[in-house]
Amino acid sequence: MIALSLAEIIGIVGGQPHDIPDADRKVTGPVVIDSREVRPGGLFAALPGERVDGHDFAARAVADGAVAVLAARPVPAAAADAPVPSIVVPDVQAALGALARAVVLRLDATVVALTGSAGKTSTKDLIAQLLRRHGPTVWTPGSLNNEIGLPLTAMSADETTRHLVLEMGARGKGHIRYLTDLTPPRLGLVLNVGTAHIGEFGGREAIAEAKGELVEALPAAAEGGVALLNADDPLVRAMATRTKARTVLFGEAADADVRAENVRLADGGRPSFTLHTPTGCSEVTMRLYGEHHVSNALAAAAVAHELGMSVDEIAVALSEAGQLSRWRMEVTERRDGVTVVNDAYNANPESMRAALRALVAMGTAGQAEGGRTWAVLGPMAELGEESLAEHDAVGRLAVRLNVSKLVAVGGQEAAWLDMGAKNEGSWGEESVHVSDVRAAVDLLRSELRPGDVVLVKASRSVGLERVAQALLEGEGEVVR
């Protein structure tokens, strides 16, 4: 973080000092909301949680090196061995946002923001791996893309930061507008408009309206604003009319400024393609699995090209890029020849379909003769009235793609997955419905054989990563 005195922070957030002996003392370390992550010179923000209140850990945070606490109320000295220096504000979350905005406005860095219904985190990780070759780059860790995670990421940048890459999520109208107010971007990237959280939004058009708030927040073209839009998604392409920024299209469409040609899958489902940019073309062969990563790679390439990287530099970086965030097409081969694909961080209909196609490509590539493909799938959350139809459709797709076996894990939504597969299949043997993780693990352990490929995927709330973890325990696995 940029070094700021407590007096400066008090002014930025409109707070009141409490037990602060030296307002000129500077905060030089990270701003954190978990007292276990406090570092000397940092600032602890005491947020109320679902089960715990950050104020209960304020004294420990100061004892561990925090300069002060950003709090909604004073922490009495009687409750601690020593006074707890605090900046008291009406709303700690709002204060975090105000502080993040102040930090970003002092940076000499290009802010790149991205959103979309699917692929945000994987694309953000690719952008980060490209841009860090050209200078110090800070990016959103994991999927911390909301009104708390985004300010914390922004405040981790400092005077040396050249690129700040921020993933922006939304669960309703106005969410992205709020995030762009905190961290005004110069480049805005929209990946796609799908059905993630459709139950909360009410329809794809409403999702498009919310995602488009990103391009509306960009500066005009004359001021350096650039909107990077997916040419293959009509709802995203149409956002060009909602921005004053210069528009750059990416995708496989013939008129895309940054596009892929001759896309093919090889080496166990890894995509290769010819990358075309306005300044030339180059060959890319990715380490990541699944054709859906081509669109993610093109989005990252469009950002990197705008920021001065050559097409050859981009192609090399894309070919060498790996997965930075856990449980996203995380491919591990056990010593017995079984391959486990842990894609259990989250799921929506679009990402489910992409993961199933990737699974089939990996199986078709013949990782071992006679190997089978297993799709271990759980519920997709927040689909509202579309939930039955979407789960049924995913189950049917698994059969149409010739996945060897679908294992649907969980309650009602999992039953719909199983129903779709059985209704699509010939004999009903293409799918099995199990009640929980334990049952799924027991089934797989009894039936897996060398050469099998197992995909594990569900919404985050399901915790289906436990299946993948159980299958890998004690197997002497080698990460691919």
Protein backbone atom coordinates (compact mmCIF):
# COMPACT_ATOMS: atom_id res chain seq x y z
CA MET A 1 0.00 0.00 0.00
CA ILE A 2 1.04 3.60 -0.54
CA ALA A 3 2.25 4.91 2.81
CA LEU A 4 -0.39 7.13 4.42
CA SER A 5 -0.39 8.78 7.81
CA LEU A 6 -3.23 8.11 10.20
CA ALA A 7 -4.16 11.77 9.86
CA GLU A 8 -4.46 11.37 6.09
CA ILE A 9 -6.59 8.24 6.49
CA ILE A 10 -8.84 10.01 9.02
CA GLY A 11 -9.41 12.76 6.48
CA ILE A 12 -10.07 10.36 3.61
CA VAL A 13 -12.64 8.25 5.44
CA GLY A 14 -14.16 11.05 7.50
CA GLY A 15 -13.39 9.23 10.73
CA GLN A 16 -12.85 10.20 14.34
CA PRO A 17 -9.58 9.32 16.10
CA HIS A 18 -9.73 7.28 19.28
CA ASP A 19 -6.67 6.52 21.44
CA ILE A 20 -4.31 7.59 18.64
CA PRO A 21 -1.17 9.05 20.28
CA ASP A 22 0.55 10.01 17.03
CA ALA A 23 -1.58 10.93 14.03
CA ASP A 24 1.55 11.36 11.91
CA ARG A 25 2.40 7.67 12.21
CA LYS A 26 2.18 6.02 8.81
CA VAL A 27 0.42 2.89 7.67
CA THR A 28 2.89 1.09 5.42
CA GLY A 29 1.62 -2.47 5.50
CA PRO A 30 -1.47 -4.15 4.04
CA VAL A 31 -5.07 -3.39 4.93
CA VAL A 32 -6.71 -6.63 6.11
CA ILE A 33 -10.06 -7.78 7.47
CA ASP A 34 -8.72 -11.04 8.97
CA SER A 35 -6.70 -10.43 12.12
CA ARG A 36 -4.62 -13.52 11.34
CA GLU A 37 -3.27 -11.73 8.26
CA VAL A 38 -2.07 -8.62 10.10
CA ARG A 39 1.46 -7.55 9.26
CA PRO A 40 3.60 -4.93 11.04
CA GLY A 41 2.67 -1.45 9.83
CA GLY A 42 -0.70 -2.54 8.51
CA LEU A 43 -4.29 -1.45 9.14
CA PHE A 44 -6.99 -3.78 10.46
CA ALA A 45 -10.59 -3.19 9.34
CA ALA A 46 -13.04 -4.53 11.93
CA LEU A 47 -15.97 -5.76 9.88
CA PRO A 48 -18.95 -7.52 11.43
CA GLY A 49 -19.26 -11.06 10.07
CA GLU A 50 -22.00 -13.65 9.97
CA ARG A 51 -20.59 -15.47 13.00
CA VAL A 52 -17.93 -13.17 14.45
CA ASP A 53 -17.36 -9.45 14.89
CA GLY A 54 -14.01 -8.02 13.82
CA HIS A 55 -14.04 -5.66 16.80
CA ASP A 56 -13.49 -8.68 19.04
CA PHE A 57 -10.09 -9.17 17.39
CA ALA A 58 -9.02 -5.53 17.24
CA ALA A 59 -6.76 -5.64 20.28
CA ARG A 60 -4.97 -8.73 19.01
CA ALA A 61 -4.50 -7.08 15.60
CA VAL A 62 -2.76 -4.10 17.21
CA ALA A 63 -0.66 -6.38 19.39
CA ASP A 64 0.45 -8.19 16.22
CA GLY A 65 1.64 -5.01 14.57
CA ALA A 66 -1.34 -3.14 13.13
CA VAL A 67 -0.84 0.62 13.39
CA ALA A 68 -4.55 1.16 14.02
CA VAL A 69 -8.02 -0.27 13.57
CA LEU A 70 -10.71 0.99 11.22
CA ALA A 71 -13.76 0.47 13.40
CA ALA A 72 -17.45 1.23 13.76
CA ARG A 73 -17.02 1.92 17.47
CA PRO A 74 -14.13 2.53 19.86
CA VAL A 75 -12.43 -0.49 21.38
CA PRO A 76 -12.25 0.32 25.11
CA ALA A 77 -8.82 0.23 26.68
CA ALA A 78 -10.30 -1.79 29.53
CA ALA A 79 -10.89 -4.64 27.09
CA ALA A 80 -7.22 -4.87 26.18
CA ASP A 81 -3.79 -4.81 27.78
CA ALA A 82 -3.16 -1.44 26.13
CA PRO A 83 -5.24 1.20 24.31
CA VAL A 84 -6.34 0.23 20.82
CA PRO A 85 -5.71 3.08 18.34
CA SER A 86 -8.86 3.34 16.24
CA ILE A 87 -10.33 5.39 13.44
CA VAL A 88 -14.06 5.30 14.11
CA VAL A 89 -16.40 5.58 11.12
CA PRO A 90 -20.16 5.11 10.61
CA ASP A 91 -19.63 2.30 8.08
CA VAL A 92 -16.38 0.31 7.89
CA GLN A 93 -17.15 -1.13 4.46
CA ALA A 94 -17.82 2.33 3.02
CA ALA A 95 -14.60 3.59 4.61
CA LEU A 96 -12.66 0.77 2.93
CA GLY A 97 -14.09 1.89 -0.39
CA ALA A 98 -13.18 5.53 0.19
CA LEU A 99 -9.65 4.58 1.16
CA ALA A 100 -9.28 2.36 -1.90
CA ARG A 101 -10.39 5.16 -4.20
CA ALA A 102 -7.88 7.55 -2.65
CA VAL A 103 -5.07 5.03 -3.12
CA VAL A 104 -5.98 4.30 -6.74
CA LEU A 105 -6.15 7.99 -7.64
CA ARG A 106 -2.60 8.41 -6.33
CA LEU A 107 -1.23 5.52 -8.38
CA ASP A 108 0.64 5.94 -11.63
CA ALA A 109 -0.84 2.71 -12.91
CA THR A 110 -3.26 1.55 -15.60
CA VAL A 111 -6.43 0.15 -14.07
CA VAL A 112 -7.88 -2.77 -16.03
CA ALA A 113 -11.33 -3.96 -14.94
CA LEU A 114 -13.15 -7.04 -16.24
CA THR A 115 -16.51 -8.64 -15.75
CA GLY A 116 -18.65 -11.36 -17.27
CA SER A 117 -20.91 -14.25 -16.37
CA ALA A 118 -18.21 -16.91 -16.75
CA GLY A 119 -14.45 -17.06 -17.04
CA LYS A 120 -13.63 -13.90 -15.07
CA THR A 121 -11.08 -15.44 -12.75
CA SER A 122 -9.30 -17.52 -15.39
CA THR A 123 -9.10 -14.50 -17.71
CA LYS A 124 -7.90 -12.24 -14.91
CA ASP A 125 -5.16 -14.76 -14.15
CA LEU A 126 -4.10 -14.80 -17.82
CA ILE A 127 -4.03 -10.99 -18.01
CA ALA A 128 -1.90 -10.86 -14.87
CA GLN A 129 0.58 -13.37 -16.27
CA LEU A 130 0.91 -11.37 -19.48
CA LEU A 131 1.17 -7.90 -17.97
CA ARG A 132 3.62 -8.77 -15.21
CA ARG A 133 6.18 -9.41 -17.95
CA HIS A 134 5.99 -5.69 -18.71
CA GLY A 135 6.04 -4.27 -15.22
CA PRO A 136 4.89 -4.67 -11.61
CA THR A 137 1.31 -5.91 -11.67
CA VAL A 138 -1.26 -6.30 -8.91
CA TRP A 139 -4.36 -8.41 -9.52
CA THR A 140 -7.41 -9.75 -7.71
CA PRO A 141 -6.49 -12.87 -5.73
CA GLY A 142 -8.90 -15.72 -6.38
CA SER A 143 -12.41 -14.37 -6.81
CA LEU A 144 -12.33 -11.49 -4.33
CA ASN A 145 -14.35 -9.36 -6.71
CA ASN A 146 -16.99 -7.74 -4.51
CA GLU A 147 -17.37 -4.53 -2.51
CA ILE A 148 -14.91 -5.80 0.12
CA GLY A 149 -12.43 -7.88 -1.87
CA LEU A 150 -11.94 -5.29 -4.61
CA PRO A 151 -10.91 -2.42 -2.28
CA LEU A 152 -8.50 -4.72 -0.45
CA THR A 153 -6.86 -5.66 -3.75
CA ALA A 154 -6.64 -2.05 -4.89
CA MET A 155 -4.99 -0.99 -1.64
CA SER A 156 -2.29 -3.63 -2.05
CA ALA A 157 -0.86 -1.60 -4.95
CA ASP A 158 1.91 0.90 -4.30
CA GLU A 159 4.09 3.49 -6.05
CA THR A 160 5.84 0.81 -8.12
CA THR A 161 2.64 -0.72 -9.52
CA ARG A 162 2.30 -0.33 -13.26
CA HIS A 163 -0.86 -2.39 -13.86
CA LEU A 164 -3.82 -2.96 -11.54
CA VAL A 165 -6.08 -5.78 -12.79
CA LEU A 166 -9.45 -5.95 -11.04
CA GLU A 167 -12.15 -8.58 -11.42
CA MET A 168 -15.65 -7.19 -10.83
CA GLY A 169 -18.62 -9.33 -9.88
CA ALA A 170 -22.26 -8.34 -9.69
CA ARG A 171 -25.41 -9.77 -8.17
CA GLY A 172 -27.64 -6.91 -9.18
CA LYS A 173 -27.97 -3.59 -10.91
CA GLY A 174 -25.61 -0.90 -9.63
CA HIS A 175 -23.01 -3.26 -8.18
CA ILE A 176 -20.45 -2.76 -10.93
CA ARG A 177 -21.13 0.97 -11.02
CA TYR A 178 -20.25 1.08 -7.32
CA LEU A 179 -17.00 -0.82 -7.89
CA THR A 180 -15.97 1.40 -10.81
CA ASP A 181 -16.58 4.46 -8.67
CA LEU A 182 -14.09 3.08 -6.15
CA THR A 183 -11.46 2.10 -8.72
CA PRO A 184 -12.03 4.04 -11.96
CA PRO A 185 -10.73 1.89 -14.85
CA ARG A 186 -9.13 3.03 -18.10
CA LEU A 187 -9.58 -0.34 -19.79
CA GLY A 188 -12.85 -2.22 -19.34
CA LEU A 189 -13.29 -5.81 -20.51
CA VAL A 190 -16.63 -7.64 -20.80
CA LEU A 191 -16.35 -11.38 -21.44
CA ASN A 192 -19.90 -12.63 -21.86
CA VAL A 193 -23.48 -12.48 -20.67
CA GLY A 194 -24.75 -15.85 -19.47
CA THR A 195 -27.12 -17.21 -16.89
CA ALA A 196 -25.01 -17.04 -13.73
CA HIS A 197 -27.17 -15.49 -10.95
CA ILE A 198 -30.08 -15.28 -13.38
CA GLY A 199 -32.43 -16.00 -10.49
CA GLU A 200 -31.36 -12.77 -8.84
CA PHE A 201 -31.22 -10.64 -12.00
CA GLY A 202 -34.40 -11.89 -13.64
CA GLY A 203 -33.11 -12.45 -17.18
CA ARG A 204 -30.10 -12.21 -19.50
CA GLU A 205 -31.06 -8.72 -20.65
CA ALA A 206 -30.97 -7.55 -17.03
CA ILE A 207 -27.57 -9.20 -16.62
CA ALA A 208 -26.34 -7.39 -19.74
CA GLU A 209 -27.62 -4.11 -18.35
CA ALA A 210 -25.65 -4.65 -15.14
CA LYS A 211 -22.44 -5.84 -16.83
CA GLY A 212 -22.55 -2.88 -19.20
CA GLU A 213 -22.12 -0.49 -16.29
CA LEU A 214 -18.41 -1.21 -16.68
CA VAL A 215 -18.13 0.29 -20.16
CA GLU A 216 -20.31 3.23 -19.16
CA ALA A 217 -17.75 4.09 -16.47
CA LEU A 218 -14.80 4.30 -18.87
CA PRO A 219 -13.26 7.62 -19.88
CA ALA A 220 -13.79 8.86 -23.41
CA ALA A 221 -11.56 7.67 -26.23
CA ALA A 222 -9.73 11.02 -26.26
CA GLU A 223 -8.82 10.43 -22.61
CA GLY A 224 -7.50 6.91 -23.24
CA GLY A 225 -10.61 4.89 -22.43
CA VAL A 226 -10.83 1.48 -24.13
CA ALA A 227 -13.77 -0.95 -24.03
CA LEU A 228 -12.77 -4.51 -24.94
CA LEU A 229 -15.85 -6.49 -25.96
CA ASN A 230 -16.53 -10.09 -26.95
CA ALA A 231 -17.46 -10.02 -30.63
CA ASP A 232 -19.00 -13.50 -30.37
CA ASP A 233 -21.61 -12.52 -27.77
CA PRO A 234 -24.35 -10.29 -29.26
CA LEU A 235 -25.31 -8.82 -25.89
CA VAL A 236 -21.70 -7.85 -25.20
CA ARG A 237 -21.06 -6.54 -28.71
CA ALA A 238 -24.08 -4.27 -28.33
CA MET A 239 -22.45 -2.55 -25.36
CA ALA A 240 -20.37 -0.53 -27.83
CA THR A 241 -23.29 1.89 -27.98
CA ARG A 242 -23.13 2.48 -24.23
CA THR A 243 -19.60 3.85 -23.98
CA LYS A 244 -17.63 6.89 -25.07
CA ALA A 245 -14.44 4.85 -24.98
CA ARG A 246 -12.74 3.39 -28.04
CA THR A 247 -14.05 -0.11 -28.75
CA VAL A 248 -11.85 -3.16 -29.42
CA LEU A 249 -13.48 -6.46 -30.36
CA PHE A 250 -12.03 -9.87 -29.55
CA GLY A 251 -13.30 -13.31 -30.49
CA GLU A 252 -13.50 -15.71 -33.40
CA ALA A 253 -15.72 -13.42 -35.49
CA ALA A 254 -14.16 -12.32 -38.77
CA ASP A 255 -14.37 -8.64 -37.83
CA ALA A 256 -12.76 -9.02 -34.40
CA ASP A 257 -9.65 -6.88 -33.90
CA VAL A 258 -8.04 -9.66 -31.86
CA ARG A 259 -9.18 -13.06 -33.07
CA ALA A 260 -8.36 -16.75 -33.20
CA GLU A 261 -8.20 -18.89 -36.31
CA ASN A 262 -7.55 -22.58 -36.83
CA VAL A 263 -8.61 -23.52 -33.30
CA ARG A 264 -7.89 -27.15 -32.46
CA LEU A 265 -7.47 -29.35 -29.41
CA ALA A 266 -4.44 -31.54 -28.91
CA ASP A 267 -2.32 -33.09 -26.17
CA GLY A 268 -5.15 -34.13 -23.91
CA GLY A 269 -7.52 -31.25 -24.61
CA ARG A 270 -5.16 -28.28 -24.67
CA PRO A 271 -6.17 -25.64 -27.24
CA SER A 272 -3.95 -24.33 -30.00
CA PHE A 273 -4.78 -21.51 -32.40
CA THR A 274 -3.39 -18.74 -34.57
CA LEU A 275 -3.59 -15.41 -32.77
CA HIS A 276 -4.33 -12.43 -35.02
CA THR A 277 -3.88 -8.83 -33.84
CA PRO A 278 -3.79 -5.50 -35.68
CA THR A 279 0.02 -5.73 -35.67
CA GLY A 280 0.50 -9.34 -36.79
CA CYS A 281 -0.15 -12.97 -35.94
CA SER A 282 1.54 -15.77 -34.02
CA GLU A 283 0.87 -19.36 -32.92
CA VAL A 284 -0.39 -20.20 -29.43
CA THR A 285 -0.50 -23.60 -27.71
CA MET A 286 -1.92 -23.33 -24.22
CA ARG A 287 -1.09 -25.30 -21.08
CA LEU A 288 -4.67 -24.93 -19.87
CA TYR A 289 -7.35 -27.49 -20.69
CA GLY A 290 -10.53 -26.84 -22.64
CA GLU A 291 -11.55 -24.93 -25.76
CA HIS A 292 -13.34 -22.34 -23.62
CA HIS A 293 -9.93 -20.94 -22.69
CA VAL A 294 -9.50 -19.68 -26.26
CA SER A 295 -11.98 -16.87 -25.60
CA ASN A 296 -10.30 -16.11 -22.28
CA ALA A 297 -6.90 -16.01 -24.02
CA LEU A 298 -8.19 -13.65 -26.70
CA ALA A 299 -9.55 -11.30 -24.04
CA ALA A 300 -6.19 -11.28 -22.28
CA ALA A 301 -4.38 -10.79 -25.57
CA ALA A 302 -6.57 -7.80 -26.40
CA VAL A 303 -5.66 -6.15 -23.09
CA ALA A 304 -1.95 -6.89 -23.49
CA HIS A 305 -1.93 -5.59 -27.06
CA GLU A 306 -3.54 -2.34 -25.97
CA LEU A 307 -0.85 -1.92 -23.33
CA GLY A 308 2.03 -2.31 -25.75
CA MET A 309 2.97 -5.99 -25.86
CA SER A 310 3.92 -7.41 -29.25
CA VAL A 311 1.99 -10.31 -30.75
CA ASP A 312 4.98 -12.62 -30.33
CA GLU A 313 5.37 -11.65 -26.66
CA ILE A 314 1.66 -12.27 -26.12
CA ALA A 315 1.78 -15.66 -27.84
CA VAL A 316 4.73 -16.82 -25.76
CA ALA A 317 3.14 -15.62 -22.53
CA LEU A 318 -0.20 -17.32 -23.33
CA SER A 319 1.60 -20.54 -24.20
CA GLU A 320 3.45 -20.52 -20.89
CA ALA A 321 0.57 -19.33 -18.67
CA GLY A 322 -0.81 -21.64 -16.02
CA GLN A 323 -3.72 -21.54 -13.59
CA LEU A 324 -3.11 -19.15 -10.68
CA SER A 325 -6.38 -19.72 -8.80
CA ARG A 326 -7.27 -23.03 -7.19
CA TRP A 327 -9.99 -25.47 -8.16
CA ARG A 328 -10.42 -24.18 -11.72
CA MET A 329 -9.73 -26.98 -14.21
CA GLU A 330 -6.95 -28.05 -11.85
CA VAL A 331 -5.64 -31.21 -13.52
CA THR A 332 -3.80 -33.83 -11.47
CA GLU A 333 -2.71 -37.29 -12.54
CA ARG A 334 -2.54 -39.96 -9.85
CA ARG A 335 0.25 -42.48 -9.88
CA ASP A 336 -2.26 -45.18 -10.86
CA GLY A 337 -3.12 -43.32 -14.07
CA VAL A 338 -6.43 -41.77 -12.98
CA THR A 339 -6.69 -38.08 -13.85
CA VAL A 340 -8.70 -35.81 -11.55
CA VAL A 341 -9.96 -32.46 -12.85
CA ASN A 342 -10.93 -30.25 -9.91
CA ASP A 343 -13.13 -27.47 -11.33
CA ALA A 344 -15.22 -27.23 -8.18
CA TYR A 345 -14.73 -23.57 -7.28
CA ASN A 346 -18.01 -22.53 -8.88
CA ALA A 347 -20.49 -23.42 -11.59
CA ASN A 348 -23.17 -21.99 -13.84
CA PRO A 349 -24.76 -23.46 -16.98
CA GLU A 350 -22.17 -21.97 -19.33
CA SER A 351 -19.17 -23.11 -17.30
CA MET A 352 -20.73 -26.56 -16.80
CA ARG A 353 -21.06 -27.02 -20.55
CA ALA A 354 -17.50 -25.82 -21.15
CA ALA A 355 -16.14 -28.16 -18.48
CA LEU A 356 -18.02 -31.15 -19.90
CA ARG A 357 -16.62 -30.49 -23.36
CA ALA A 358 -13.14 -30.19 -21.90
CA LEU A 359 -13.62 -33.50 -20.09
CA VAL A 360 -14.64 -35.23 -23.31
CA ALA A 361 -11.67 -33.75 -25.18
CA MET A 362 -9.32 -35.04 -22.49
CA GLY A 363 -10.90 -38.47 -22.63
CA THR A 364 -10.95 -38.60 -26.42
CA ALA A 365 -7.26 -37.74 -26.47
CA GLY A 366 -6.66 -41.17 -24.97
CA GLN A 367 -4.82 -40.49 -21.77
CA ALA A 368 -4.71 -44.27 -21.37
CA GLU A 369 -6.22 -46.97 -23.51
CA GLY A 370 -9.65 -47.94 -22.31
CA GLY A 371 -10.03 -44.95 -20.04
CA ARG A 372 -13.48 -43.56 -19.24
CA THR A 373 -14.82 -40.08 -18.52
CA TRP A 374 -16.64 -39.36 -15.26
CA ALA A 375 -18.59 -36.15 -14.61
CA VAL A 376 -19.12 -35.68 -10.87
CA LEU A 377 -21.53 -32.75 -10.79
CA GLY A 378 -23.42 -30.92 -8.08
CA PRO A 379 -26.07 -28.20 -7.99
CA MET A 380 -25.75 -24.82 -9.71
CA ALA A 381 -26.99 -22.07 -7.40
CA GLU A 382 -29.04 -18.91 -7.98
CA LEU A 383 -30.81 -19.97 -11.17
CA GLY A 384 -34.30 -19.17 -9.88
CA GLU A 385 -37.13 -20.38 -12.09
CA GLU A 386 -34.60 -21.64 -14.64
CA SER A 387 -33.05 -24.12 -12.23
CA LEU A 388 -34.99 -27.24 -13.27
CA ALA A 389 -34.54 -26.61 -17.00
CA GLU A 390 -30.83 -25.79 -16.68
CA HIS A 391 -29.98 -28.81 -14.52
CA ASP A 392 -31.97 -31.08 -16.81
CA ALA A 393 -30.14 -29.64 -19.84
CA VAL A 394 -26.71 -30.22 -18.31
CA GLY A 395 -27.61 -33.83 -17.53
CA ARG A 396 -28.78 -34.35 -21.11
CA LEU A 397 -25.62 -32.74 -22.51
CA ALA A 398 -23.42 -35.14 -20.54
CA VAL A 399 -25.09 -38.02 -22.36
CA ARG A 400 -25.01 -36.33 -25.76
CA LEU A 401 -21.29 -35.76 -25.37
CA ASN A 402 -20.82 -39.45 -24.54
CA VAL A 403 -19.51 -38.88 -21.03
CA SER A 404 -19.09 -42.41 -19.69
CA LYS A 405 -20.81 -41.77 -16.36
CA LEU A 406 -22.53 -38.87 -14.65
CA VAL A 407 -22.46 -38.88 -10.86
CA ALA A 408 -24.98 -36.32 -9.60
CA VAL A 409 -24.25 -35.34 -6.00
CA GLY A 410 -26.73 -33.71 -3.62
CA GLY A 411 -30.41 -32.98 -3.27
CA GLN A 412 -33.16 -31.77 -5.58
CA GLU A 413 -30.97 -30.02 -8.17
CA ALA A 414 -28.72 -33.08 -8.42
CA ALA A 415 -31.82 -35.21 -8.95
CA TRP A 416 -32.67 -32.98 -11.91
CA LEU A 417 -29.20 -33.54 -13.36
CA ASP A 418 -29.71 -37.27 -13.03
CA MET A 419 -33.20 -37.06 -14.50
CA GLY A 420 -31.97 -35.22 -17.57
CA ALA A 421 -29.25 -37.79 -18.20
CA LYS A 422 -31.58 -40.76 -17.72
CA ASN A 423 -34.23 -39.24 -19.99
CA GLU A 424 -31.63 -38.60 -22.69
CA GLY A 425 -29.85 -41.96 -22.34
CA SER A 426 -30.81 -45.32 -23.76
CA TRP A 427 -30.90 -47.50 -20.66
CA GLY A 428 -30.61 -45.16 -17.73
CA GLU A 429 -27.16 -46.48 -16.93
CA GLU A 430 -25.39 -43.27 -17.97
CA SER A 431 -26.07 -41.62 -14.63
CA VAL A 432 -26.32 -42.26 -10.91
CA HIS A 433 -27.64 -39.97 -8.17
CA VAL A 434 -25.89 -40.07 -4.77
CA SER A 435 -26.82 -38.18 -1.65
CA ASP A 436 -23.54 -36.62 -0.59
CA VAL A 437 -19.78 -36.32 -0.97
CA ARG A 438 -19.06 -39.46 1.04
CA ALA A 439 -21.27 -41.58 -1.18
CA ALA A 440 -19.68 -40.13 -4.31
CA VAL A 441 -16.16 -40.84 -3.03
CA ASP A 442 -17.07 -44.41 -2.06
CA LEU A 443 -18.55 -45.04 -5.51
CA LEU A 444 -15.56 -43.62 -7.36
CA ARG A 445 -13.00 -45.43 -5.24
CA SER A 446 -14.69 -48.72 -5.97
CA GLU A 447 -15.03 -48.20 -9.72
CA LEU A 448 -12.20 -46.01 -11.02
CA ARG A 449 -9.51 -47.67 -13.07
CA PRO A 450 -6.28 -46.55 -14.78
CA GLY A 451 -6.86 -44.13 -17.63
CA ASP A 452 -10.12 -42.73 -16.27
CA VAL A 453 -10.62 -38.94 -16.24
CA VAL A 454 -12.81 -37.51 -13.46
CA LEU A 455 -14.31 -34.00 -13.60
CA VAL A 456 -15.60 -32.52 -10.33
CA LYS A 457 -17.75 -29.38 -10.58
CA ALA A 458 -20.55 -27.57 -8.71
CA SER A 459 -21.38 -24.20 -7.22
CA ARG A 460 -19.07 -22.98 -4.45
CA SER A 461 -21.65 -23.49 -1.72
CA VAL A 462 -21.73 -27.24 -2.38
CA GLY A 463 -18.10 -27.83 -1.42
CA LEU A 464 -17.65 -30.55 -4.02
CA GLU A 465 -13.88 -29.98 -4.08
CA ARG A 466 -13.88 -32.47 -1.20
CA VAL A 467 -14.48 -35.24 -3.73
CA ALA A 468 -11.37 -34.32 -5.68
CA GLN A 469 -9.33 -33.95 -2.50
CA ALA A 470 -10.43 -37.36 -1.25
CA LEU A 471 -9.52 -38.98 -4.56
CA LEU A 472 -6.03 -37.50 -4.39
CA GLU A 473 -5.23 -38.23 -0.77
CA GLY A 474 -2.19 -40.49 -0.46
CA GLU A 475 -1.98 -41.16 -4.18
CA GLY A 476 1.48 -39.64 -4.76
CA GLU A 477 -0.03 -37.47 -7.45
CA VAL A 478 1.84 -35.42 -10.02
CA VAL A 479 0.35 -32.05 -10.94
CA ARG A 480 0.15 -31.74 -14.72
